[in-house]
């Protein structure tokens, strides 16, 4: 191999490396721009009840999106409170000596937080469901029976012992 050929390959490798770095920086910039600035891109449906209506057509989901976002703002702190109380209870459960009074208090707080969260979820359902036609409500009912992440049809995994028959 001649010196000129070796320099040519070296130049091409340098150019390829610089192009690769530039493309990677561009992609990273686009990603962070969307994440930080909330730029264009598909909007996600809020998770608390989004699973229940994700199968609906796009115009229906779009019409419910603002209500779902408002619900998420109200439900988020309730969910956070519930998780915090659950963590407290887990720590108490793992202590070397069990303080039944403290655990009883934590369980009472957990019931209260869970009731508040469930009430918010039910209020949101009462806002969403009247907006749907009969066929859409049937789909929602099917999703509720199946659960948010359970597949439907022949691809559904076999039930585990203890799973209820649908």
Protein backbone atom coordinates (compact mmCIF):
# COMPACT_ATOMS: atom_id res chain seq x y z
CA UNK A 1 0.00 0.00 0.00
CA UNK A 2 1.38 3.37 -0.94
CA UNK A 3 1.57 6.36 1.29
CA UNK A 4 -0.99 8.25 -0.82
CA UNK A 5 -3.53 5.41 -0.53
CA UNK A 6 -3.00 5.23 3.23
CA UNK A 7 -3.55 9.01 3.55
CA UNK A 8 -6.67 8.77 1.37
CA UNK A 9 -8.16 6.05 3.61
CA UNK A 10 -7.26 8.06 6.69
CA UNK A 11 -8.99 11.14 5.27
CA UNK A 12 -12.12 9.15 4.42
CA UNK A 13 -12.22 7.67 7.91
CA UNK A 14 -11.86 11.15 9.41
CA UNK A 15 -14.66 12.49 7.21
CA UNK A 16 -16.89 9.52 8.04
CA UNK A 17 -16.23 10.00 11.76
CA UNK A 18 -17.07 13.71 11.58
CA UNK A 19 -20.29 13.03 9.63
CA UNK A 20 -21.28 10.36 12.15
CA UNK A 21 -20.69 12.72 15.08
CA UNK A 22 -22.66 15.49 13.36
CA UNK A 23 -25.64 13.20 12.67
CA UNK A 24 -25.61 11.91 16.26
CA UNK A 25 -25.50 15.45 17.66
CA UNK A 26 -28.39 16.44 15.40
CA UNK A 27 -30.51 13.50 16.57
CA UNK A 28 -29.68 14.14 20.23
CA UNK A 29 -30.56 17.81 19.77
CA UNK A 30 -33.91 16.97 18.20
CA UNK A 31 -34.70 14.51 21.00
CA UNK A 32 -33.82 16.93 23.80
CA UNK A 33 -35.58 19.78 22.04
CA UNK A 34 -38.81 17.81 22.00
CA UNK A 35 -38.43 16.60 25.57
CA UNK A 36 -37.41 19.92 27.11
CA UNK A 37 -39.35 22.33 24.96
CA UNK A 38 -42.33 20.08 24.30
CA UNK A 39 -41.92 20.46 20.59
CA UNK A 40 -43.98 18.73 17.91
CA UNK A 41 -44.51 15.04 18.18
CA UNK A 42 -47.26 12.64 19.07
CA UNK A 43 -48.88 13.51 22.37
CA UNK A 44 -49.31 10.70 24.81
CA UNK A 45 -52.58 10.07 26.51
CA UNK A 46 -52.35 10.47 30.30
CA UNK A 47 -51.79 7.07 31.84
CA UNK A 48 -54.36 6.91 34.62
CA UNK A 49 -57.35 6.45 32.33
CA UNK A 50 -55.65 6.74 28.97
CA UNK A 51 -55.44 2.97 28.73
CA UNK A 52 -59.23 2.81 28.87
CA UNK A 53 -59.76 5.01 25.80
CA UNK A 54 -56.62 4.38 23.74
CA UNK A 55 -58.53 2.03 21.43
CA UNK A 56 -60.99 4.79 20.46
CA UNK A 57 -60.68 6.65 17.16
CA UNK A 58 -58.32 9.65 17.01
CA UNK A 59 -61.03 12.38 16.86
CA UNK A 60 -62.70 10.99 20.00
CA UNK A 61 -59.39 10.71 21.86
CA UNK A 62 -58.47 14.22 20.77
CA UNK A 63 -61.77 15.61 22.07
CA UNK A 64 -61.15 13.95 25.45
CA UNK A 65 -57.46 14.87 25.69
CA UNK A 66 -57.89 18.22 27.49
CA UNK A 67 -60.17 16.65 30.11
CA UNK A 68 -57.65 13.85 30.57
CA UNK A 69 -54.79 16.31 31.02
CA UNK A 70 -56.76 18.20 33.68
CA UNK A 71 -57.59 14.94 35.40
CA UNK A 72 -53.91 13.97 35.41
CA UNK A 73 -53.04 17.25 37.12
CA UNK A 74 -55.55 16.47 39.88
CA UNK A 75 -54.82 12.74 40.14
CA UNK A 76 -51.01 13.02 40.08
CA UNK A 77 -50.62 14.37 43.63
CA UNK A 78 -53.16 11.82 44.91
CA UNK A 79 -51.25 8.99 43.28
CA UNK A 80 -47.97 10.34 44.70
CA UNK A 81 -49.48 10.50 48.19
CA UNK A 82 -50.71 6.92 47.87
CA UNK A 83 -47.25 5.71 46.80
CA UNK A 84 -45.62 7.58 49.66
CA UNK A 85 -47.89 5.92 52.22
CA UNK A 86 -47.25 2.53 50.59
CA UNK A 87 -43.50 3.08 50.94
CA UNK A 88 -43.92 4.03 54.61
CA UNK A 89 -45.89 0.84 55.21
CA UNK A 90 -43.25 -1.27 53.41
CA UNK A 91 -40.49 0.24 55.57
CA UNK A 92 -42.51 -0.47 58.72
CA UNK A 93 -43.13 -4.03 57.57
CA UNK A 94 -39.39 -4.65 57.15
CA UNK A 95 -38.34 -3.22 60.52
CA UNK A 96 -36.84 -5.67 63.01
CA UNK A 97 -39.71 -5.14 65.46
CA UNK A 98 -43.25 -4.52 64.27
CA UNK A 99 -45.00 -1.42 65.60
CA UNK A 100 -48.64 -2.39 65.14
CA UNK A 101 -49.91 1.08 66.05
CA UNK A 102 -47.74 2.76 63.42
CA UNK A 103 -48.70 0.11 60.84
CA UNK A 104 -52.37 0.57 61.69
CA UNK A 105 -51.98 4.33 61.18
CA UNK A 106 -50.21 3.77 57.85
CA UNK A 107 -52.93 1.40 56.66
CA UNK A 108 -55.61 3.95 57.63
CA UNK A 109 -53.71 6.64 55.68
CA UNK A 110 -53.38 4.25 52.74
CA UNK A 111 -57.14 3.58 52.74
CA UNK A 112 -57.82 7.32 52.82
CA UNK A 113 -55.33 8.08 49.99
CA UNK A 114 -56.67 5.19 47.94
CA UNK A 115 -60.28 6.36 48.42
CA UNK A 116 -59.38 9.90 47.31
CA UNK A 117 -57.58 8.59 44.23
CA UNK A 118 -60.40 6.22 43.34
CA UNK A 119 -62.95 9.02 43.75
CA UNK A 120 -60.97 11.17 41.31
CA UNK A 121 -60.81 8.27 38.84
CA UNK A 122 -64.57 7.73 39.09
CA UNK A 123 -65.27 11.44 38.57
CA UNK A 124 -63.15 11.37 35.44
CA UNK A 125 -64.99 8.31 34.16
CA UNK A 126 -68.27 10.18 34.70
CA UNK A 127 -66.94 12.98 32.50
CA UNK A 128 -65.61 10.70 29.76
CA UNK A 129 -68.21 7.97 29.40
CA UNK A 130 -71.23 10.20 28.58
CA UNK A 131 -69.20 11.61 25.66
CA UNK A 132 -68.98 8.18 24.01
CA UNK A 133 -71.53 6.47 21.81
CA UNK A 134 -72.86 3.00 22.63
CA UNK A 135 -70.30 1.12 20.55
CA UNK A 136 -67.43 3.07 22.12
CA UNK A 137 -68.78 2.40 25.61
CA UNK A 138 -68.91 -1.31 24.77
CA UNK A 139 -65.22 -1.16 23.80
CA UNK A 140 -64.43 0.60 27.07
CA UNK A 141 -66.34 -2.08 28.99
CA UNK A 142 -64.39 -4.78 27.17
CA UNK A 143 -61.13 -3.05 28.05
CA UNK A 144 -62.15 -2.67 31.69
CA UNK A 145 -63.00 -6.38 31.91
CA UNK A 146 -59.74 -7.36 30.25
CA UNK A 147 -57.55 -4.90 32.12
CA UNK A 148 -55.27 -2.19 30.76
CA UNK A 149 -52.37 -4.30 29.54
CA UNK A 150 -53.92 -7.66 28.93
CA UNK A 151 -53.96 -8.74 25.30
CA UNK A 152 -57.16 -9.87 23.69
CA UNK A 153 -57.91 -12.84 21.54
CA UNK A 154 -56.00 -16.05 20.81
CA UNK A 155 -52.60 -14.46 21.55
CA UNK A 156 -53.60 -13.91 25.18
CA UNK A 157 -51.26 -15.84 27.49
CA UNK A 158 -52.71 -18.66 29.54
CA UNK A 159 -54.25 -17.67 32.87
CA UNK A 160 -52.20 -18.16 35.98
CA UNK A 161 -53.70 -20.05 38.89
CA UNK A 162 -55.82 -17.62 40.84
CA UNK A 163 -56.72 -15.44 37.84
CA UNK A 164 -60.43 -14.96 37.60
CA UNK A 165 -62.29 -16.13 34.57
CA UNK A 166 -63.37 -13.14 32.49
